[in-house]
C-alpha atoms as a PDB file:
ATOM      1  CA  MET A   1     -90.119  80.809  74.275  1.00  0.00           C
ATOM      2  CA  LYS A   2     -91.050  77.285  74.303  1.00  0.00           C
ATOM      3  CA  LEU A   3     -94.981  76.369  73.789  1.00  0.00           C
ATOM      4  CA  THR A   4     -96.583  73.275  73.499  1.00  0.00           C
ATOM      5  CA  LEU A   5     -99.919  72.980  70.882  1.00  0.00           C
ATOM      6  CA  HIS A   6    -102.628  70.732  70.908  1.00  0.00           C
ATOM      7  CA  VAL A   7    -103.960  71.155  67.705  1.00  0.00           C
ATOM      8  CA  TRP A   8    -107.164  69.506  65.808  1.00  0.00           C
ATOM      9  CA  ARG A   9    -106.515  67.757  62.955  1.00  0.00           C
ATOM     10  CA  GLN A  10    -108.920  66.503  60.779  1.00  0.00           C
ATOM     11  CA  PRO A  11    -108.375  65.640  57.049  1.00  0.00           C
ATOM     12  CA  GLY A  12    -111.782  65.891  55.828  1.00  0.00           C
ATOM     13  CA  PRO A  13    -115.305  67.100  56.752  1.00  0.00           C
ATOM     14  CA  ASP A  14    -116.420  63.407  56.887  1.00  0.00           C
ATOM     15  CA  ALA A  15    -112.939  62.165  58.552  1.00  0.00           C
ATOM     16  CA  GLU A  16    -112.529  61.393  62.292  1.00  0.00           C
ATOM     17  CA  GLY A  17    -110.674  64.245  63.937  1.00  0.00           C
ATOM     18  CA  ARG A  18    -108.071  64.006  66.634  1.00  0.00           C
ATOM     19  CA  PHE A  19    -105.852  66.252  68.615  1.00  0.00           C
ATOM     20  CA  GLU A  20    -102.158  66.020  67.679  1.00  0.00           C
ATOM     21  CA  THR A  21     -99.360  67.568  70.145  1.00  0.00           C
ATOM     22  CA  TYR A  22     -96.189  69.977  68.746  1.00  0.00           C
ATOM     23  CA  GLN A  23     -93.317  71.309  70.634  1.00  0.00           C
ATOM     24  CA  VAL A  24     -92.601  74.958  69.254  1.00  0.00           C
ATOM     25  CA  PRO A  25     -89.206  75.447  70.717  1.00  0.00           C
ATOM     26  CA  ASP A  26     -88.304  79.047  68.968  1.00  0.00           C
ATOM     27  CA  VAL A  27     -91.430  81.199  69.335  1.00  0.00           C
ATOM     28  CA  ASP A  28     -90.542  84.715  69.219  1.00  0.00           C
ATOM     29  CA  GLU A  29     -93.125  87.078  71.459  1.00  0.00           C
ATOM     30  CA  HIS A  30     -93.212  89.821  68.461  1.00  0.00           C
ATOM     31  CA  MET A  31     -95.082  87.228  66.104  1.00  0.00           C
ATOM     32  CA  SER A  32     -98.495  87.147  65.838  1.00  0.00           C
ATOM     33  CA  PHE A  33    -100.312  83.900  66.442  1.00  0.00           C
ATOM     34  CA  LEU A  34    -100.615  82.776  62.468  1.00  0.00           C
ATOM     35  CA  GLU A  35     -97.057  83.458  62.182  1.00  0.00           C
ATOM     36  CA  MET A  36     -96.372  81.109  64.875  1.00  0.00           C
ATOM     37  CA  LEU A  37     -98.460  78.864  63.123  1.00  0.00           C
ATOM     38  CA  ASP A  38     -96.557  79.603  60.147  1.00  0.00           C
ATOM     39  CA  VAL A  39     -93.277  78.470  61.630  1.00  0.00           C
ATOM     40  CA  VAL A  40     -94.779  75.170  62.899  1.00  0.00           C
ATOM     41  CA  ASN A  41     -96.277  74.544  59.378  1.00  0.00           C
ATOM     42  CA  GLU A  42     -92.698  74.971  58.076  1.00  0.00           C
ATOM     43  CA  ARG A  43     -91.235  72.866  60.170  1.00  0.00           C
ATOM     44  CA  LEU A  44     -93.917  70.082  59.570  1.00  0.00           C
ATOM     45  CA  ILE A  45     -93.292  70.680  55.330  1.00  0.00           C
ATOM     46  CA  GLU A  46     -89.497  70.236  56.330  1.00  0.00           C
ATOM     47  CA  GLU A  47     -90.204  66.915  57.889  1.00  0.00           C
ATOM     48  CA  GLY A  48     -92.462  65.597  55.210  1.00  0.00           C
ATOM     49  CA  LYS A  49     -95.658  65.863  57.304  1.00  0.00           C
ATOM     50  CA  GLU A  50     -98.612  67.441  56.385  1.00  0.00           C
ATOM     51  CA  PRO A  51     -98.983  71.045  57.559  1.00  0.00           C
ATOM     52  CA  ILE A  52    -101.849  72.785  59.521  1.00  0.00           C
ATOM     53  CA  ALA A  53    -104.830  74.148  57.608  1.00  0.00           C
ATOM     54  CA  PHE A  54    -106.308  77.371  58.864  1.00  0.00           C
ATOM     55  CA  GLU A  55    -107.878  80.214  57.078  1.00  0.00           C
ATOM     56  CA  HIS A  56    -106.466  83.719  56.792  1.00  0.00           C
ATOM     57  CA  ASP A  57    -106.824  86.546  54.790  1.00  0.00           C
ATOM     58  CA  CYS A  58    -106.020  90.154  55.630  1.00  0.00           C
ATOM     59  CA  ARG A  59    -104.131  89.440  58.642  1.00  0.00           C
ATOM     60  CA  GLU A  60    -105.138  92.925  59.726  1.00  0.00           C
ATOM     61  CA  GLY A  61    -108.488  92.181  61.546  1.00  0.00           C
ATOM     62  CA  ILE A  62    -110.884  93.129  58.623  1.00  0.00           C
ATOM     63  CA  CYS A  63    -111.789  89.840  56.973  1.00  0.00           C
ATOM     64  CA  GLY A  64    -112.999  87.614  59.870  1.00  0.00           C
ATOM     65  CA  ALA A  65    -111.456  84.379  58.096  1.00  0.00           C
ATOM     66  CA  CYS A  66    -108.827  83.468  60.834  1.00  0.00           C
ATOM     67  CA  GLY A  67    -110.952  82.121  63.809  1.00  0.00           C
ATOM     68  CA  CYS A  68    -110.586  79.571  65.915  1.00  0.00           C
ATOM     69  CA  LEU A  69    -110.658  78.197  69.332  1.00  0.00           C
ATOM     70  CA  ILE A  70    -107.599  79.041  71.557  1.00  0.00           C
ATOM     71  CA  ASN A  71    -108.036  77.660  74.908  1.00  0.00           C
ATOM     72  CA  GLY A  72    -111.823  77.318  74.766  1.00  0.00           C
ATOM     73  CA  ARG A  73    -112.218  81.028  73.604  1.00  0.00           C
ATOM     74  CA  PRO A  74    -112.782  82.483  70.039  1.00  0.00           C
ATOM     75  CA  HIS A  75    -109.767  84.642  69.076  1.00  0.00           C
ATOM     76  CA  GLY A  76    -107.975  83.593  72.024  1.00  0.00           C
ATOM     77  CA  ARG A  77    -107.429  85.718  75.461  1.00  0.00           C
ATOM     78  CA  THR A  78    -107.766  89.004  73.947  1.00  0.00           C
ATOM     79  CA  ARG A  79    -110.632  91.276  73.817  1.00  0.00           C
ATOM     80  CA  LEU A  80    -111.441  93.270  70.685  1.00  0.00           C
ATOM     81  CA  SER A  81    -108.949  91.501  68.160  1.00  0.00           C
ATOM     82  CA  ALA A  82    -109.178  88.785  66.021  1.00  0.00           C
ATOM     83  CA  THR A  83    -106.820  85.796  65.810  1.00  0.00           C
ATOM     84  CA  CYS A  84    -104.367  87.489  63.309  1.00  0.00           C
ATOM     85  CA  GLN A  85    -104.215  90.380  66.049  1.00  0.00           C
ATOM     86  CA  LEU A  86    -103.275  87.766  69.070  1.00  0.00           C
ATOM     87  CA  HIS A  87     -99.502  88.389  69.518  1.00  0.00           C
ATOM     88  CA  MET A  88     -97.301  85.704  71.171  1.00  0.00           C
ATOM     89  CA  ARG A  89     -96.340  88.489  74.013  1.00  0.00           C
ATOM     90  CA  HIS A  90     -99.568  87.429  75.892  1.00  0.00           C
ATOM     91  CA  PHE A  91     -98.252  83.966  76.267  1.00  0.00           C
ATOM     92  CA  LYS A  92     -95.722  82.588  79.008  1.00  0.00           C
ATOM     93  CA  ASP A  93     -92.690  80.451  78.241  1.00  0.00           C
ATOM     94  CA  GLY A  94     -93.765  76.956  78.795  1.00  0.00           C
ATOM     95  CA  GLU A  95     -97.464  77.243  78.401  1.00  0.00           C
ATOM     96  CA  GLU A  96     -99.690  74.920  76.753  1.00  0.00           C
ATOM     97  CA  LEU A  97    -102.173  75.676  74.318  1.00  0.00           C
ATOM     98  CA  THR A  98    -105.241  74.029  72.889  1.00  0.00           C
ATOM     99  CA  ILE A  99    -106.422  74.907  69.351  1.00  0.00           C
ATOM    100  CA  GLU A 100    -109.603  73.816  67.496  1.00  0.00           C
ATOM    101  CA  PRO A 101    -111.842  75.166  64.821  1.00  0.00           C
ATOM    102  CA  MET A 102    -115.022  77.128  65.735  1.00  0.00           C
ATOM    103  CA  ARG A 103    -117.517  73.982  66.403  1.00  0.00           C
ATOM    104  CA  ALA A 104    -121.367  74.263  65.727  1.00  0.00           C
ATOM    105  CA  LYS A 105    -124.079  72.608  63.735  1.00  0.00           C
ATOM    106  CA  GLY A 106    -123.685  75.517  61.168  1.00  0.00           C
ATOM    107  CA  PHE A 107    -120.097  75.360  60.665  1.00  0.00           C
ATOM    108  CA  PRO A 108    -119.297  72.146  59.582  1.00  0.00           C
ATOM    109  CA  VAL A 109    -115.508  71.422  59.904  1.00  0.00           C
ATOM    110  CA  LEU A 110    -113.878  71.604  56.289  1.00  0.00           C
ATOM    111  CA  ARG A 111    -110.283  70.385  57.602  1.00  0.00           C
ATOM    112  CA  ASP A 112    -108.338  70.968  60.387  1.00  0.00           C
ATOM    113  CA  LEU A 113    -109.273  74.455  61.820  1.00  0.00           C
ATOM    114  CA  ILE A 114    -111.310  75.309  58.976  1.00  0.00           C
ATOM    115  CA  VAL A 115    -114.865  75.530  58.941  1.00  0.00           C
ATOM    116  CA  ASP A 116    -117.573  76.301  56.215  1.00  0.00           C
ATOM    117  CA  ARG A 117    -118.680  79.801  57.287  1.00  0.00           C
ATOM    118  CA  SER A 118    -121.122  80.054  54.111  1.00  0.00           C
ATOM    119  CA  ALA A 119    -124.161  79.914  56.346  1.00  0.00           C
ATOM    120  CA  LEU A 120    -123.332  83.605  57.357  1.00  0.00           C
ATOM    121  CA  ASP A 121    -123.155  84.462  53.401  1.00  0.00           C
ATOM    122  CA  ARG A 122    -126.682  82.670  52.931  1.00  0.00           C
ATOM    123  CA  ILE A 123    -128.166  84.530  55.800  1.00  0.00           C
ATOM    124  CA  VAL A 124    -127.053  87.942  54.185  1.00  0.00           C
ATOM    125  CA  GLN A 125    -128.339  86.841  50.858  1.00  0.00           C
ATOM    126  CA  ALA A 126    -131.818  86.503  52.512  1.00  0.00           C
ATOM    127  CA  GLY A 127    -132.305  90.149  53.444  1.00  0.00           C
ATOM    128  CA  GLY A 128    -128.746  91.953  53.688  1.00  0.00           C
ATOM    129  CA  TYR A 129    -129.654  94.338  50.738  1.00  0.00           C
ATOM    130  CA  ILE A 130    -131.643  97.286  49.510  1.00  0.00           C
ATOM    131  CA  SER A 131    -133.580  97.484  46.414  1.00  0.00           C
ATOM    132  CA  ALA A 132    -133.941 100.990  46.160  1.00  0.00           C
ATOM    133  CA  ARG A 133    -132.361 102.370  43.005  1.00  0.00           C
ATOM    134  CA  THR A 134    -129.637 105.102  43.993  1.00  0.00           C
ATOM    135  CA  GLY A 135    -128.144 106.086  40.632  1.00  0.00           C
ATOM    136  CA  SER A 136    -124.767 107.407  40.617  1.00  0.00           C
ATOM    137  CA  VAL A 137    -123.175 108.865  43.890  1.00  0.00           C
ATOM    138  CA  PRO A 138    -125.441 111.390  45.501  1.00  0.00           C
ATOM    139  CA  ASP A 139    -124.125 114.651  47.220  1.00  0.00           C
ATOM    140  CA  ALA A 140    -122.972 114.584  50.696  1.00  0.00           C
ATOM    141  CA  ASN A 141    -125.892 115.420  52.720  1.00  0.00           C
ATOM    142  CA  VAL A 142    -128.551 115.177  50.645  1.00  0.00           C
ATOM    143  CA  ILE A 143    -130.477 112.676  52.485  1.00  0.00           C
ATOM    144  CA  LEU A 144    -130.343 113.715  56.255  1.00  0.00           C
ATOM    145  CA  VAL A 145    -129.237 111.103  58.503  1.00  0.00           C
ATOM    146  CA  PRO A 146    -129.643 111.623  62.295  1.00  0.00           C
ATOM    147  CA  LYS A 147    -125.875 111.295  63.884  1.00  0.00           C
ATOM    148  CA  LEU A 148    -127.038 108.946  66.309  1.00  0.00           C
ATOM    149  CA  ASP A 149    -128.603 106.682  63.426  1.00  0.00           C
ATOM    150  CA  ALA A 150    -125.623 107.116  61.596  1.00  0.00           C
ATOM    151  CA  ASP A 151    -123.000 106.310  64.374  1.00  0.00           C
ATOM    152  CA  TRP A 152    -125.114 102.794  65.324  1.00  0.00           C
ATOM    153  CA  SER A 153    -125.293 102.029  61.614  1.00  0.00           C
ATOM    154  CA  MET A 154    -121.629 102.198  61.789  1.00  0.00           C
ATOM    155  CA  ASP A 155    -121.490 100.455  64.868  1.00  0.00           C
ATOM    156  CA  ALA A 156    -123.175  97.394  63.271  1.00  0.00           C
ATOM    157  CA  ALA A 157    -121.485  97.402  60.122  1.00  0.00           C
ATOM    158  CA  ALA A 158    -118.271  97.040  61.894  1.00  0.00           C
ATOM    159  CA  CYS A 159    -119.273  93.104  62.021  1.00  0.00           C
ATOM    160  CA  ILE A 160    -116.780  91.306  60.125  1.00  0.00           C
ATOM    161  CA  GLY A 161    -118.682  87.681  59.973  1.00  0.00           C
ATOM    162  CA  CYS A 162    -115.803  86.105  61.682  1.00  0.00           C
ATOM    163  CA  GLY A 163    -118.543  83.414  63.715  1.00  0.00           C
ATOM    164  CA  ALA A 164    -116.639  84.179  67.235  1.00  0.00           C
ATOM    165  CA  CYS A 165    -120.399  84.535  68.539  1.00  0.00           C
ATOM    166  CA  VAL A 166    -121.631  81.294  67.247  1.00  0.00           C
ATOM    167  CA  ALA A 167    -118.947  79.654  68.638  1.00  0.00           C
ATOM    168  CA  ALA A 168    -118.783  81.404  72.122  1.00  0.00           C
ATOM    169  CA  CYS A 169    -122.609  81.051  72.464  1.00  0.00           C
ATOM    170  CA  PRO A 170    -123.934  77.830  74.519  1.00  0.00           C
ATOM    171  CA  ASN A 171    -126.814  77.709  71.930  1.00  0.00           C
ATOM    172  CA  ALA A 172    -124.651  77.990  68.897  1.00  0.00           C
ATOM    173  CA  SER A 173    -126.683  81.255  67.957  1.00  0.00           C
ATOM    174  CA  ALA A 174    -125.641  83.573  65.166  1.00  0.00           C
ATOM    175  CA  MET A 175    -128.366  86.270  66.615  1.00  0.00           C
ATOM    176  CA  LEU A 176    -125.527  89.002  67.087  1.00  0.00           C
ATOM    177  CA  PHE A 177    -124.208  88.940  63.524  1.00  0.00           C
ATOM    178  CA  VAL A 178    -127.899  88.575  62.259  1.00  0.00           C
ATOM    179  CA  ALA A 179    -128.837  91.776  64.558  1.00  0.00           C
ATOM    180  CA  ALA A 180    -125.802  93.559  63.193  1.00  0.00           C
ATOM    181  CA  LYS A 181    -126.432  93.056  59.595  1.00  0.00           C
ATOM    182  CA  VAL A 182    -130.374  94.032  60.309  1.00  0.00           C
ATOM    183  CA  SER A 183    -129.605  97.010  62.028  1.00  0.00           C
ATOM    184  CA  HIS A 184    -126.927  98.465  59.830  1.00  0.00           C
ATOM    185  CA  LEU A 185    -129.328  98.587  56.631  1.00  0.00           C
ATOM    186  CA  GLY A 186    -132.705  99.429  58.626  1.00  0.00           C
ATOM    187  CA  LEU A 187    -131.212 102.387  60.730  1.00  0.00           C
ATOM    188  CA  LEU A 188    -130.766 104.426  57.530  1.00  0.00           C
ATOM    189  CA  PRO A 189    -133.050 105.689  55.095  1.00  0.00           C
ATOM    190  CA  GLN A 190    -132.138 103.577  52.369  1.00  0.00           C
ATOM    191  CA  GLY A 191    -133.089 100.652  54.144  1.00  0.00           C
ATOM    192  CA  GLN A 192    -136.472 101.404  55.021  1.00  0.00           C
ATOM    193  CA  PRO A 193    -138.398  99.543  52.500  1.00  0.00           C
ATOM    194  CA  GLU A 194    -137.263  96.411  53.359  1.00  0.00           C
ATOM    195  CA  ARG A 195    -136.975  96.871  57.049  1.00  0.00           C
ATOM    196  CA  TYR A 196    -139.451  94.270  58.666  1.00  0.00           C
ATOM    197  CA  GLU A 197    -139.405  92.094  55.490  1.00  0.00           C
ATOM    198  CA  ARG A 198    -135.676  91.751  56.058  1.00  0.00           C
ATOM    199  CA  VAL A 199    -135.624  90.749  59.820  1.00  0.00           C
ATOM    200  CA  GLN A 200    -138.450  88.261  59.030  1.00  0.00           C
ATOM    201  CA  ARG A 201    -136.291  86.416  56.174  1.00  0.00           C
ATOM    202  CA  MET A 202    -132.789  86.987  57.674  1.00  0.00           C
ATOM    203  CA  LEU A 203    -134.222  84.912  61.060  1.00  0.00           C
ATOM    204  CA  ALA A 204    -135.800  82.128  58.957  1.00  0.00           C
ATOM    205  CA  GLN A 205    -132.562  81.480  57.160  1.00  0.00           C
ATOM    206  CA  HIS A 206    -130.958  81.663  60.491  1.00  0.00           C
ATOM    207  CA  ASP A 207    -133.002  78.974  61.874  1.00  0.00           C
ATOM    208  CA  ALA A 208    -132.911  77.076  58.687  1.00  0.00           C
ATOM    209  CA  GLU A 209    -129.385  77.147  58.740  1.00  0.00           C
ATOM    210  CA  GLY A 210    -129.291  75.166  62.328  1.00  0.00           C
ATOM    211  CA  PHE A 211    -127.939  77.771  64.427  1.00  0.00           C
ATOM    212  CA  GLY A 212    -129.539  78.099  67.862  1.00  0.00           C
ATOM    213  CA  TYR A 213    -131.757  80.690  69.541  1.00  0.00           C
ATOM    214  CA  CYS A 214    -130.747  83.621  71.648  1.00  0.00           C
ATOM    215  CA  SER A 215    -131.099  83.152  75.279  1.00  0.00           C
ATOM    216  CA  ASN A 216    -129.280  86.494  76.370  1.00  0.00           C
ATOM    217  CA  HIS A 217    -126.061  84.777  78.017  1.00  0.00           C
ATOM    218  CA  GLY A 218    -124.106  87.513  76.599  1.00  0.00           C
ATOM    219  CA  ALA A 219    -120.933  85.537  75.771  1.00  0.00           C
ATOM    220  CA  CYS A 220    -121.307  86.607  72.162  1.00  0.00           C
ATOM    221  CA  THR A 221    -120.389  89.930  72.780  1.00  0.00           C
ATOM    222  CA  GLU A 222    -117.689  89.384  75.366  1.00  0.00           C
ATOM    223  CA  VAL A 223    -115.697  87.729  72.437  1.00  0.00           C
ATOM    224  CA  CYS A 224    -116.809  89.984  69.468  1.00  0.00           C
ATOM    225  CA  PRO A 225    -113.429  91.381  68.057  1.00  0.00           C
ATOM    226  CA  LYS A 226    -115.609  94.355  67.163  1.00  0.00           C
ATOM    227  CA  ASP A 227    -117.705  94.741  70.339  1.00  0.00           C
ATOM    228  CA  ILE A 228    -121.045  94.635  68.842  1.00  0.00           C
ATOM    229  CA  SER A 229    -123.579  95.393  71.313  1.00  0.00           C
ATOM    230  CA  LEU A 230    -126.304  93.417  72.889  1.00  0.00           C
ATOM    231  CA  ASP A 231    -128.349  96.245  72.156  1.00  0.00           C
ATOM    232  CA  PHE A 232    -128.390  95.402  68.249  1.00  0.00           C
ATOM    233  CA  ILE A 233    -130.061  92.037  69.610  1.00  0.00           C
ATOM    234  CA  ALA A 234    -132.917  93.901  71.400  1.00  0.00           C
ATOM    235  CA  LYS A 235    -133.338  96.257  68.371  1.00  0.00           C
ATOM    236  CA  LEU A 236    -133.736  93.254  66.083  1.00  0.00           C
ATOM    237  CA  ASN A 237    -136.539  91.571  68.765  1.00  0.00           C
ATOM    238  CA  ARG A 238    -138.383  95.181  68.485  1.00  0.00           C
ATOM    239  CA  ASP A 239    -138.208  94.849  64.643  1.00  0.00           C
ATOM    240  CA  LEU A 240    -139.393  91.112  64.412  1.00  0.00           C
ATOM    241  CA  MET A 241    -142.362  92.492  66.975  1.00  0.00           C
ATOM    242  CA  SER A 242    -143.128  94.872  64.528  1.00  0.00           C
ATOM    243  CA  ALA A 243    -142.904  92.930  61.404  1.00  0.00           C
ATOM    244  CA  SER A 244    -145.219  90.309  62.987  1.00  0.00           C
ATOM    245  CA  LEU A 245    -148.172  92.698  63.856  1.00  0.00           C
ATOM    246  CA  ARG A 246    -148.010  94.548  60.249  1.00  0.00           C
ATOM    247  CA  SER A 247    -148.127  90.660  58.918  1.00  0.00           C
ATOM    248  CA  ARG A 248    -151.324  90.054  61.277  1.00  0.00           C
ATOM    249  CA  VAL A 249    -152.803  93.313  59.900  1.00  0.00           C
ATOM    250  CA  GLN A 250    -152.555  92.613  56.495  1.00  0.00           C
ATOM    251  CA  GLU A 251    -154.094  89.204  56.589  1.00  0.00           C
ATOM    252  CA  ASP A 252    -156.881  90.576  58.357  1.00  0.00           C
END
């Protein structure tokens, strides 16, 4: 399989970027997308050129590091998969691919396809924790959790923080990410003490990082590799409303 790649190259965060074109004549359909980039980089190194910088770690769709835009879509054309899980059999011989970083104010480009996603870490640090002392591991089922709540919490905890939701949103909002991180703790008994303070702190940090507001386009959930539901954003909004009312009552 032969492909033409138009790849965003940017040597540093303050440098001017540009697209460079590469011909890749020997792509195996069984390669993953990142393996294909590895082949391109090996050729560039042999030619004495700078390889394409891109993030990766687990290459199993778990860590969320590999995200980039492929033909304008985060993680590429297949649903429910990260970039590392995308295989070249989904492309046609002779196809042209445009590969660029996930651009957003909250995701400054560091180099080539690598962006700084530490803003998401700071959002979690603002409230994604519990202060209740749990001691050693409790026996199973000591704290009863309704199955529906447990299932919803697990669904929210599946978020890998890849940033696809931000890249797809026309407002560059990270609200789906925040909603998942708020919900997976707020649905469990251990997360109740900070439940309402958590949503206020994490949303305040979200805004401080320069992410936009949610306007319910739904593009975020369409590109999410873990299929995080928009229902979590609705839940976040309900908790935020409750938190605001509680604050007013305490002030009065």
